[in-house]
């Protein structure tokens, strides 16, 4: 079984895509444009974690993990 996730693109001030998010149930994942996962947000626990599973903060603060 293959899963397909819709991508929500994140753009810089010039309108260029710099990353994207995907949704899988209560999980939102943040990716670079090269496909590297940076972290995830869990809506049930209201927690954001980096790719290593370390706690980043409460709420969806995934964009803080995206560096230009």
PDB file of N, CA and C in Angstrom:
ATOM      1  N   UNK A   1       0.848  -1.183   0.000  1.00  0.00           N
ATOM      2  CA  UNK A   1       0.000   0.000   0.000  1.00  0.00           C
ATOM      3  C   UNK A   1       0.883   1.231   0.000  1.00  0.00           C
ATOM      4  N   UNK A   2       0.604   2.158  -0.866  1.00  0.00           N
ATOM      5  CA  UNK A   2       1.385   3.380  -0.923  1.00  0.00           C
ATOM      6  C   UNK A   2       0.524   4.556  -0.479  1.00  0.00           C
ATOM      7  N   UNK A   3       1.133   5.429   0.283  1.00  0.00           N
ATOM      8  CA  UNK A   3       0.423   6.603   0.783  1.00  0.00           C
ATOM      9  C   UNK A   3       0.870   7.832   0.017  1.00  0.00           C
ATOM     10  N   UNK A   4      -0.048   8.717  -0.239  1.00  0.00           N
ATOM     11  CA  UNK A   4       0.254   9.964  -0.926  1.00  0.00           C
ATOM     12  C   UNK A   4      -0.128  11.114  -0.008  1.00  0.00           C
ATOM     13  N   UNK A   5       0.788  11.998   0.228  1.00  0.00           N
ATOM     14  CA  UNK A   5       0.536  13.127   1.109  1.00  0.00           C
ATOM     15  C   UNK A   5       0.524  14.418   0.296  1.00  0.00           C
ATOM     16  N   UNK A   6      -0.449  15.268   0.573  1.00  0.00           N
ATOM     17  CA  UNK A   6      -0.465  16.584  -0.045  1.00  0.00           C
ATOM     18  C   UNK A   6       0.600  17.435   0.621  1.00  0.00           C
ATOM     19  N   UNK A   7       1.245  18.245  -0.174  1.00  0.00           N
ATOM     20  CA  UNK A   7       2.286  19.131   0.341  1.00  0.00           C
ATOM     21  C   UNK A   7       1.742  20.553   0.427  1.00  0.00           C
ATOM     22  N   UNK A   8       1.992  21.187   1.567  1.00  0.00           N
ATOM     23  CA  UNK A   8       1.717  22.614   1.727  1.00  0.00           C
ATOM     24  C   UNK A   8       3.070  23.312   1.720  1.00  0.00           C
ATOM     25  N   UNK A   9       3.319  24.101   0.671  1.00  0.00           N
ATOM     26  CA  UNK A   9       4.629  24.711   0.495  1.00  0.00           C
ATOM     27  C   UNK A   9       4.784  25.964   1.343  1.00  0.00           C
ATOM     28  N   UNK A  10       5.991  26.151   1.846  1.00  0.00           N
ATOM     29  CA  UNK A  10       6.372  27.335   2.611  1.00  0.00           C
ATOM     30  C   UNK A  10       7.283  28.136   1.711  1.00  0.00           C
ATOM     31  N   UNK A  11       6.988  29.415   1.585  1.00  0.00           N
ATOM     32  CA  UNK A  11       7.739  30.255   0.641  1.00  0.00           C
ATOM     33  C   UNK A  11       8.443  31.405   1.363  1.00  0.00           C
ATOM     34  N   UNK A  12       9.568  31.827   0.784  1.00  0.00           N
ATOM     35  CA  UNK A  12      10.288  32.970   1.339  1.00  0.00           C
ATOM     36  C   UNK A  12       9.660  34.262   0.828  1.00  0.00           C
ATOM     37  N   UNK A  13      10.278  35.390   1.159  1.00  0.00           N
ATOM     38  CA  UNK A  13       9.719  36.696   0.780  1.00  0.00           C
ATOM     39  C   UNK A  13       9.668  36.906  -0.723  1.00  0.00           C
ATOM     40  N   UNK A  14      10.497  36.188  -1.471  1.00  0.00           N
ATOM     41  CA  UNK A  14      10.503  36.297  -2.938  1.00  0.00           C
ATOM     42  C   UNK A  14       9.531  35.325  -3.591  1.00  0.00           C
ATOM     43  N   UNK A  15       8.818  34.551  -2.772  1.00  0.00           N
ATOM     44  CA  UNK A  15       7.849  33.602  -3.301  1.00  0.00           C
ATOM     45  C   UNK A  15       8.434  32.261  -3.688  1.00  0.00           C
ATOM     46  N   UNK A  16       9.703  32.042  -3.376  1.00  0.00           N
ATOM     47  CA  UNK A  16      10.363  30.782  -3.716  1.00  0.00           C
ATOM     48  C   UNK A  16      10.076  29.745  -2.633  1.00  0.00           C
ATOM     49  N   UNK A  17       9.770  28.509  -3.013  1.00  0.00           N
ATOM     50  CA  UNK A  17       9.534  27.479  -1.996  1.00  0.00           C
ATOM     51  C   UNK A  17      10.827  27.139  -1.266  1.00  0.00           C
ATOM     52  N   UNK A  18      10.751  27.097   0.068  1.00  0.00           N
ATOM     53  CA  UNK A  18      11.928  26.778   0.879  1.00  0.00           C
ATOM     54  C   UNK A  18      11.701  25.529   1.734  1.00  0.00           C
ATOM     55  N   UNK A  19      10.500  25.001   1.705  1.00  0.00           N
ATOM     56  CA  UNK A  19      10.170  23.798   2.454  1.00  0.00           C
ATOM     57  C   UNK A  19       8.708  23.474   2.264  1.00  0.00           C
ATOM     58  N   UNK A  20       8.270  22.395   2.914  1.00  0.00           N
ATOM     59  CA  UNK A  20       6.862  22.030   2.828  1.00  0.00           C
ATOM     60  C   UNK A  20       6.480  21.191   4.034  1.00  0.00           C
ATOM     61  N   UNK A  21       5.178  21.112   4.283  1.00  0.00           N
ATOM     62  CA  UNK A  21       4.659  20.262   5.345  1.00  0.00           C
ATOM     63  C   UNK A  21       3.761  19.197   4.729  1.00  0.00           C
ATOM     64  N   UNK A  22       3.690  18.062   5.420  1.00  0.00           N
ATOM     65  CA  UNK A  22       2.756  17.000   5.069  1.00  0.00           C
ATOM     66  C   UNK A  22       1.976  16.639   6.318  1.00  0.00           C
ATOM     67  N   UNK A  23       0.768  16.173   6.123  1.00  0.00           N
ATOM     68  CA  UNK A  23      -0.131  15.820   7.221  1.00  0.00           C
ATOM     69  C   UNK A  23      -0.397  14.329   7.187  1.00  0.00           C
ATOM     70  N   UNK A  24      -0.326  13.695   8.357  1.00  0.00           N
ATOM     71  CA  UNK A  24      -0.645  12.276   8.481  1.00  0.00           C
ATOM     72  C   UNK A  24      -1.439  12.120   9.777  1.00  0.00           C
ATOM     73  N   UNK A  25      -2.750  12.209   9.687  1.00  0.00           N
ATOM     74  CA  UNK A  25      -3.585  12.177  10.888  1.00  0.00           C
ATOM     75  C   UNK A  25      -3.324  13.407  11.730  1.00  0.00           C
ATOM     76  N   UNK A  26      -2.950  13.205  12.994  1.00  0.00           N
ATOM     77  CA  UNK A  26      -2.673  14.321  13.910  1.00  0.00           C
ATOM     78  C   UNK A  26      -1.233  14.816  13.787  1.00  0.00           C
ATOM     79  N   UNK A  27      -0.439  14.182  12.935  1.00  0.00           N
ATOM     80  CA  UNK A  27       0.972  14.536  12.782  1.00  0.00           C
ATOM     81  C   UNK A  27       1.180  15.449  11.575  1.00  0.00           C
ATOM     82  N   UNK A  28       1.928  16.524  11.783  1.00  0.00           N
ATOM     83  CA  UNK A  28       2.370  17.390  10.702  1.00  0.00           C
ATOM     84  C   UNK A  28       3.884  17.307  10.654  1.00  0.00           C
ATOM     85  N   UNK A  29       4.432  17.007   9.471  1.00  0.00           N
ATOM     86  CA  UNK A  29       5.877  16.872   9.305  1.00  0.00           C
ATOM     87  C   UNK A  29       6.395  18.031   8.462  1.00  0.00           C
ATOM     88  N   UNK A  30       7.575  18.526   8.818  1.00  0.00           N
ATOM     89  CA  UNK A  30       8.227  19.610   8.089  1.00  0.00           C
ATOM     90  C   UNK A  30       9.409  19.047   7.315  1.00  0.00           C
ATOM     91  N   UNK A  31       9.517  19.423   6.032  1.00  0.00           N
ATOM     92  CA  UNK A  31      10.560  18.927   5.137  1.00  0.00           C
ATOM     93  C   UNK A  31      11.262  20.091   4.451  1.00  0.00           C
ATOM     94  N   UNK A  32      12.537  19.902   4.123  1.00  0.00           N
ATOM     95  CA  UNK A  32      13.239  20.848   3.258  1.00  0.00           C
ATOM     96  C   UNK A  32      12.837  20.538   1.822  1.00  0.00           C
ATOM     97  N   UNK A  33      13.175  21.415   0.919  1.00  0.00           N
ATOM     98  CA  UNK A  33      12.854  21.173  -0.489  1.00  0.00           C
ATOM     99  C   UNK A  33      13.650  19.991  -1.051  1.00  0.00           C
ATOM    100  N   UNK A  34      14.755  19.647  -0.410  1.00  0.00           N
ATOM    101  CA  UNK A  34      15.533  18.489  -0.875  1.00  0.00           C
ATOM    102  C   UNK A  34      15.021  17.177  -0.286  1.00  0.00           C
ATOM    103  N   UNK A  35      13.962  17.245   0.535  1.00  0.00           N
ATOM    104  CA  UNK A  35      13.349  16.037   1.063  1.00  0.00           C
ATOM    105  C   UNK A  35      13.849  15.593   2.422  1.00  0.00           C
ATOM    106  N   UNK A  36      14.627  16.425   3.106  1.00  0.00           N
ATOM    107  CA  UNK A  36      15.111  16.086   4.441  1.00  0.00           C
ATOM    108  C   UNK A  36      14.048  16.474   5.470  1.00  0.00           C
ATOM    109  N   UNK A  37      13.664  15.521   6.329  1.00  0.00           N
ATOM    110  CA  UNK A  37      12.672  15.823   7.365  1.00  0.00           C
ATOM    111  C   UNK A  37      13.348  16.579   8.486  1.00  0.00           C
ATOM    112  N   UNK A  38      12.706  17.677   8.933  1.00  0.00           N
ATOM    113  CA  UNK A  38      13.280  18.517   9.986  1.00  0.00           C
ATOM    114  C   UNK A  38      12.617  18.314  11.339  1.00  0.00           C
ATOM    115  N   UNK A  39      11.356  17.920  11.342  1.00  0.00           N
ATOM    116  CA  UNK A  39      10.671  17.728  12.611  1.00  0.00           C
ATOM    117  C   UNK A  39       9.203  17.424  12.407  1.00  0.00           C
ATOM    118  N   UNK A  40       8.496  17.339  13.549  1.00  0.00           N
ATOM    119  CA  UNK A  40       7.070  17.035  13.482  1.00  0.00           C
ATOM    120  C   UNK A  40       6.324  17.715  14.615  1.00  0.00           C
ATOM    121  N   UNK A  41       5.051  17.938  14.361  1.00  0.00           N
ATOM    122  CA  UNK A  41       4.129  18.479  15.359  1.00  0.00           C
ATOM    123  C   UNK A  41       3.013  17.460  15.550  1.00  0.00           C
ATOM    124  N   UNK A  42       2.690  17.171  16.808  1.00  0.00           N
ATOM    125  CA  UNK A  42       1.602  16.249  17.135  1.00  0.00           C
ATOM    126  C   UNK A  42       0.464  17.053  17.750  1.00  0.00           C
ATOM    127  N   UNK A  43      -0.673  17.084  17.076  1.00  0.00           N
ATOM    128  CA  UNK A  43      -1.815  17.873  17.542  1.00  0.00           C
ATOM    129  C   UNK A  43      -2.418  17.316  18.833  1.00  0.00           C
ATOM    130  N   UNK A  44      -2.314  16.009  19.048  1.00  0.00           N
ATOM    131  CA  UNK A  44      -2.872  15.411  20.259  1.00  0.00           C
ATOM    132  C   UNK A  44      -2.107  15.853  21.502  1.00  0.00           C
ATOM    133  N   UNK A  45      -0.792  15.872  21.423  1.00  0.00           N
ATOM    134  CA  UNK A  45       0.019  16.278  22.572  1.00  0.00           C
ATOM    135  C   UNK A  45       0.343  17.772  22.544  1.00  0.00           C
ATOM    136  N   UNK A  46       0.064  18.433  21.402  1.00  0.00           N
ATOM    137  CA  UNK A  46       0.358  19.857  21.206  1.00  0.00           C
ATOM    138  C   UNK A  46       1.850  20.135  21.377  1.00  0.00           C
ATOM    139  N   UNK A  47       2.682  19.207  20.877  1.00  0.00           N
ATOM    140  CA  UNK A  47       4.136  19.329  21.010  1.00  0.00           C
ATOM    141  C   UNK A  47       4.826  19.279  19.653  1.00  0.00           C
ATOM    142  N   UNK A  48       5.880  20.088  19.525  1.00  0.00           N
ATOM    143  CA  UNK A  48       6.737  20.062  18.347  1.00  0.00           C
ATOM    144  C   UNK A  48       8.056  19.418  18.750  1.00  0.00           C
ATOM    145  N   UNK A  49       8.549  18.510  17.892  1.00  0.00           N
ATOM    146  CA  UNK A  49       9.826  17.838  18.108  1.00  0.00           C
ATOM    147  C   UNK A  49      10.697  17.998  16.876  1.00  0.00           C
ATOM    148  N   UNK A  50      12.025  18.016  17.076  1.00  0.00           N
ATOM    149  CA  UNK A  50      12.912  18.035  15.924  1.00  0.00           C
ATOM    150  C   UNK A  50      13.039  16.625  15.364  1.00  0.00           C
ATOM    151  N   UNK A  51      13.843  16.455  14.332  1.00  0.00           N
ATOM    152  CA  UNK A  51      13.952  15.169  13.656  1.00  0.00           C
ATOM    153  C   UNK A  51      14.523  14.086  14.568  1.00  0.00           C
ATOM    154  N   UNK A  52      15.260  14.469  15.598  1.00  0.00           N
ATOM    155  CA  UNK A  52      15.829  13.508  16.550  1.00  0.00           C
ATOM    156  C   UNK A  52      14.861  13.152  17.672  1.00  0.00           C
ATOM    157  N   UNK A  53      13.678  13.765  17.666  1.00  0.00           N
ATOM    158  CA  UNK A  53      12.691  13.490  18.694  1.00  0.00           C
ATOM    159  C   UNK A  53      12.815  14.372  19.919  1.00  0.00           C
ATOM    160  N   UNK A  54      13.712  15.346  19.884  1.00  0.00           N
ATOM    161  CA  UNK A  54      13.873  16.262  21.011  1.00  0.00           C
ATOM    162  C   UNK A  54      12.741  17.283  21.036  1.00  0.00           C
ATOM    163  N   UNK A  55      12.248  17.567  22.230  1.00  0.00           N
ATOM    164  CA  UNK A  55      11.176  18.535  22.434  1.00  0.00           C
ATOM    165  C   UNK A  55      11.659  19.920  22.021  1.00  0.00           C
ATOM    166  N   UNK A  56      10.892  20.587  21.166  1.00  0.00           N
ATOM    167  CA  UNK A  56      11.212  21.945  20.733  1.00  0.00           C
ATOM    168  C   UNK A  56      10.338  22.947  21.470  1.00  0.00           C
ATOM    169  N   UNK A  57       9.040  22.637  21.603  1.00  0.00           N
ATOM    170  CA  UNK A  57       8.148  23.545  22.313  1.00  0.00           C
ATOM    171  C   UNK A  57       6.704  23.110  22.186  1.00  0.00           C
ATOM    172  N   UNK A  58       5.861  23.802  22.921  1.00  0.00           N
ATOM    173  CA  UNK A  58       4.415  23.557  22.870  1.00  0.00           C
ATOM    174  C   UNK A  58       3.828  24.298  21.685  1.00  0.00           C
ATOM    175  N   UNK A  59       2.814  23.700  21.080  1.00  0.00           N
ATOM    176  CA  UNK A  59       2.175  24.305  19.916  1.00  0.00           C
ATOM    177  C   UNK A  59       2.914  23.947  18.639  1.00  0.00           C
ATOM    178  N   UNK A  60       2.352  24.350  17.519  1.00  0.00           N
ATOM    179  CA  UNK A  60       2.964  24.085  16.220  1.00  0.00           C
ATOM    180  C   UNK A  60       3.963  25.186  15.912  1.00  0.00           C
ATOM    181  N   UNK A  61       5.224  24.931  16.235  1.00  0.00           N
ATOM    182  CA  UNK A  61       6.288  25.897  15.959  1.00  0.00           C
ATOM    183  C   UNK A  61       7.308  25.296  14.993  1.00  0.00           C
ATOM    184  N   UNK A  62       6.814  24.502  14.049  1.00  0.00           N
ATOM    185  CA  UNK A  62       7.683  23.842  13.079  1.00  0.00           C
ATOM    186  C   UNK A  62       8.534  24.831  12.280  1.00  0.00           C
ATOM    187  N   UNK A  63       7.987  25.979  11.958  1.00  0.00           N
ATOM    188  CA  UNK A  63       8.721  26.924  11.119  1.00  0.00           C
ATOM    189  C   UNK A  63      10.016  27.407  11.763  1.00  0.00           C
ATOM    190  N   UNK A  64      10.119  27.285  13.093  1.00  0.00           N
ATOM    191  CA  UNK A  64      11.376  27.674  13.747  1.00  0.00           C
ATOM    192  C   UNK A  64      12.513  26.723  13.384  1.00  0.00           C
ATOM    193  N   UNK A  65      12.192  25.540  12.889  1.00  0.00           N
ATOM    194  CA  UNK A  65      13.213  24.565  12.490  1.00  0.00           C
ATOM    195  C   UNK A  65      13.727  24.789  11.078  1.00  0.00           C
ATOM    196  N   UNK A  66      13.030  25.607  10.308  1.00  0.00           N
ATOM    197  CA  UNK A  66      13.393  25.835   8.897  1.00  0.00           C
ATOM    198  C   UNK A  66      14.374  26.999   8.804  1.00  0.00           C
ATOM    199  N   UNK A  67      15.555  26.708   8.318  1.00  0.00           N
ATOM    200  CA  UNK A  67      16.584  27.733   8.157  1.00  0.00           C
ATOM    201  C   UNK A  67      16.678  28.114   6.681  1.00  0.00           C
ATOM    202  N   UNK A  68      16.872  29.404   6.404  1.00  0.00           N
ATOM    203  CA  UNK A  68      16.999  29.815   4.998  1.00  0.00           C
ATOM    204  C   UNK A  68      18.234  29.267   4.311  1.00  0.00           C
TER     205      UNK A  68
END
